[in-house]
């Protein structure tokens, strides 16, 4: 788990929403299976300013993975400016041919 405190705060909020009837039990279960993945740390030279829009973390469901989008600027900074969530591939069974 990349960020336990963030996950704990998220779950407490969702459980509170469930307690007041704002979300149903199925949605509560979905949130309990999420995981928080932190983005890789940026590389910023000492003379460069911090990037204005770098990604900090992403919530993923079971089986999902993340592909980070890196940005390089003229100051030599490299940071994650975006991401793509890769969903698990569905396995399909082939149906037997009917005659």
C-alpha atoms as a PDB file:
ATOM      1  CA  UNK A   1       0.000   0.000   0.000  1.00  0.00           C
ATOM      2  CA  UNK A   2       1.576   3.226  -1.137  1.00  0.00           C
ATOM      3  CA  UNK A   3      -0.220   5.657   1.158  1.00  0.00           C
ATOM      4  CA  UNK A   4      -1.970   4.057   4.131  1.00  0.00           C
ATOM      5  CA  UNK A   5      -3.149   7.346   5.644  1.00  0.00           C
ATOM      6  CA  UNK A   6      -4.839   8.448   2.422  1.00  0.00           C
ATOM      7  CA  UNK A   7      -6.574   5.058   2.074  1.00  0.00           C
ATOM      8  CA  UNK A   8      -7.727   5.203   5.704  1.00  0.00           C
ATOM      9  CA  UNK A   9      -9.157   8.713   5.257  1.00  0.00           C
ATOM     10  CA  UNK A  10     -10.908   7.689   2.034  1.00  0.00           C
ATOM     11  CA  UNK A  11     -12.477   4.623   3.663  1.00  0.00           C
ATOM     12  CA  UNK A  12     -13.624   6.620   6.706  1.00  0.00           C
ATOM     13  CA  UNK A  13     -15.319   9.147   4.404  1.00  0.00           C
ATOM     14  CA  UNK A  14     -17.024   6.435   2.347  1.00  0.00           C
ATOM     15  CA  UNK A  15     -18.196   4.579   5.466  1.00  0.00           C
ATOM     16  CA  UNK A  16     -19.638   7.835   6.768  1.00  0.00           C
ATOM     17  CA  UNK A  17     -21.505   8.357   3.499  1.00  0.00           C
ATOM     18  CA  UNK A  18     -22.868   4.819   3.771  1.00  0.00           C
ATOM     19  CA  UNK A  19     -23.933   5.406   7.382  1.00  0.00           C
ATOM     20  CA  UNK A  20     -26.081   8.404   6.392  1.00  0.00           C
ATOM     21  CA  UNK A  21     -27.541   6.563   3.395  1.00  0.00           C
ATOM     22  CA  UNK A  22     -25.767   8.569   0.687  1.00  0.00           C
ATOM     23  CA  UNK A  23     -24.300   5.434  -0.935  1.00  0.00           C
ATOM     24  CA  UNK A  24     -25.454   1.814  -0.939  1.00  0.00           C
ATOM     25  CA  UNK A  25     -23.640  -1.260   0.364  1.00  0.00           C
ATOM     26  CA  UNK A  26     -22.441  -2.336  -3.097  1.00  0.00           C
ATOM     27  CA  UNK A  27     -20.725   1.015  -3.661  1.00  0.00           C
ATOM     28  CA  UNK A  28     -19.179   0.764  -0.169  1.00  0.00           C
ATOM     29  CA  UNK A  29     -17.708  -2.628  -1.091  1.00  0.00           C
ATOM     30  CA  UNK A  30     -16.253  -1.180  -4.297  1.00  0.00           C
ATOM     31  CA  UNK A  31     -14.430   1.519  -2.343  1.00  0.00           C
ATOM     32  CA  UNK A  32     -13.073  -0.994   0.146  1.00  0.00           C
ATOM     33  CA  UNK A  33     -11.311  -2.835  -2.664  1.00  0.00           C
ATOM     34  CA  UNK A  34      -9.564   0.270  -4.052  1.00  0.00           C
ATOM     35  CA  UNK A  35      -5.848   0.709  -3.609  1.00  0.00           C
ATOM     36  CA  UNK A  36      -3.831   3.896  -3.654  1.00  0.00           C
ATOM     37  CA  UNK A  37      -0.704   3.962  -5.831  1.00  0.00           C
ATOM     38  CA  UNK A  38       1.711   6.845  -5.461  1.00  0.00           C
ATOM     39  CA  UNK A  39       3.254   8.377  -8.558  1.00  0.00           C
ATOM     40  CA  UNK A  40       7.034   8.196  -8.935  1.00  0.00           C
ATOM     41  CA  UNK A  41       8.877  11.118  -7.372  1.00  0.00           C
ATOM     42  CA  UNK A  42       9.697  14.018  -9.695  1.00  0.00           C
ATOM     43  CA  UNK A  43      13.250  14.997 -10.539  1.00  0.00           C
ATOM     44  CA  UNK A  44      13.633  18.748 -10.214  1.00  0.00           C
ATOM     45  CA  UNK A  45      17.091  20.393 -10.374  1.00  0.00           C
ATOM     46  CA  UNK A  46      17.831  22.716  -7.422  1.00  0.00           C
ATOM     47  CA  UNK A  47      17.643  25.833  -9.625  1.00  0.00           C
ATOM     48  CA  UNK A  48      14.274  24.919 -11.193  1.00  0.00           C
ATOM     49  CA  UNK A  49      10.852  25.731  -9.730  1.00  0.00           C
ATOM     50  CA  UNK A  50       8.550  22.909  -8.650  1.00  0.00           C
ATOM     51  CA  UNK A  51       6.191  21.713 -11.396  1.00  0.00           C
ATOM     52  CA  UNK A  52       2.669  23.159 -11.155  1.00  0.00           C
ATOM     53  CA  UNK A  53       0.682  20.063 -12.087  1.00  0.00           C
ATOM     54  CA  UNK A  54       2.355  16.825 -11.149  1.00  0.00           C
ATOM     55  CA  UNK A  55       0.264  13.768 -10.220  1.00  0.00           C
ATOM     56  CA  UNK A  56       0.562  12.612  -6.598  1.00  0.00           C
ATOM     57  CA  UNK A  57      -1.425   9.365  -6.466  1.00  0.00           C
ATOM     58  CA  UNK A  58      -4.112   7.304  -8.216  1.00  0.00           C
ATOM     59  CA  UNK A  59      -6.910   5.049  -6.929  1.00  0.00           C
ATOM     60  CA  UNK A  60      -7.049   1.656  -8.632  1.00  0.00           C
ATOM     61  CA  UNK A  61      -9.528  -1.198  -8.493  1.00  0.00           C
ATOM     62  CA  UNK A  62      -8.380  -4.812  -8.176  1.00  0.00           C
ATOM     63  CA  UNK A  63      -6.595  -6.025 -11.294  1.00  0.00           C
ATOM     64  CA  UNK A  64      -5.949  -2.527 -12.643  1.00  0.00           C
ATOM     65  CA  UNK A  65      -2.502  -1.098 -13.209  1.00  0.00           C
ATOM     66  CA  UNK A  66      -1.299   2.377 -14.097  1.00  0.00           C
ATOM     67  CA  UNK A  67       0.930   3.743 -16.849  1.00  0.00           C
ATOM     68  CA  UNK A  68       2.525   7.079 -15.961  1.00  0.00           C
ATOM     69  CA  UNK A  69       2.882   9.932 -18.469  1.00  0.00           C
ATOM     70  CA  UNK A  70       6.141  11.813 -17.919  1.00  0.00           C
ATOM     71  CA  UNK A  71       6.810  15.431 -18.857  1.00  0.00           C
ATOM     72  CA  UNK A  72      10.282  16.886 -19.452  1.00  0.00           C
ATOM     73  CA  UNK A  73      10.750  20.650 -19.455  1.00  0.00           C
ATOM     74  CA  UNK A  74      13.532  23.019 -20.507  1.00  0.00           C
ATOM     75  CA  UNK A  75      14.864  23.343 -16.938  1.00  0.00           C
ATOM     76  CA  UNK A  76      15.705  19.640 -16.877  1.00  0.00           C
ATOM     77  CA  UNK A  77      12.763  18.707 -14.665  1.00  0.00           C
ATOM     78  CA  UNK A  78      11.021  15.370 -15.141  1.00  0.00           C
ATOM     79  CA  UNK A  79       7.692  14.673 -13.475  1.00  0.00           C
ATOM     80  CA  UNK A  80       4.497  12.682 -13.870  1.00  0.00           C
ATOM     81  CA  UNK A  81       1.907  14.949 -15.492  1.00  0.00           C
ATOM     82  CA  UNK A  82      -0.699  12.308 -16.289  1.00  0.00           C
ATOM     83  CA  UNK A  83      -1.598   8.652 -16.205  1.00  0.00           C
ATOM     84  CA  UNK A  84      -3.583   5.934 -17.957  1.00  0.00           C
ATOM     85  CA  UNK A  85      -5.400   3.263 -16.002  1.00  0.00           C
ATOM     86  CA  UNK A  86      -4.914  -0.127 -17.618  1.00  0.00           C
ATOM     87  CA  UNK A  87      -7.929  -2.332 -17.031  1.00  0.00           C
ATOM     88  CA  UNK A  88      -7.511  -6.093 -16.785  1.00  0.00           C
ATOM     89  CA  UNK A  89      -8.161  -7.978 -19.993  1.00  0.00           C
ATOM     90  CA  UNK A  90     -11.331  -9.978 -20.033  1.00  0.00           C
ATOM     91  CA  UNK A  91     -10.897 -13.589 -20.924  1.00  0.00           C
ATOM     92  CA  UNK A  92     -13.433 -14.806 -23.402  1.00  0.00           C
ATOM     93  CA  UNK A  93     -14.328 -18.400 -23.917  1.00  0.00           C
ATOM     94  CA  UNK A  94     -14.898 -19.561 -27.425  1.00  0.00           C
ATOM     95  CA  UNK A  95     -18.244 -21.152 -28.026  1.00  0.00           C
ATOM     96  CA  UNK A  96     -18.328 -24.555 -29.634  1.00  0.00           C
ATOM     97  CA  UNK A  97     -19.515 -24.474 -33.206  1.00  0.00           C
ATOM     98  CA  UNK A  98     -23.085 -25.620 -33.671  1.00  0.00           C
ATOM     99  CA  UNK A  99     -23.990 -27.774 -36.611  1.00  0.00           C
END
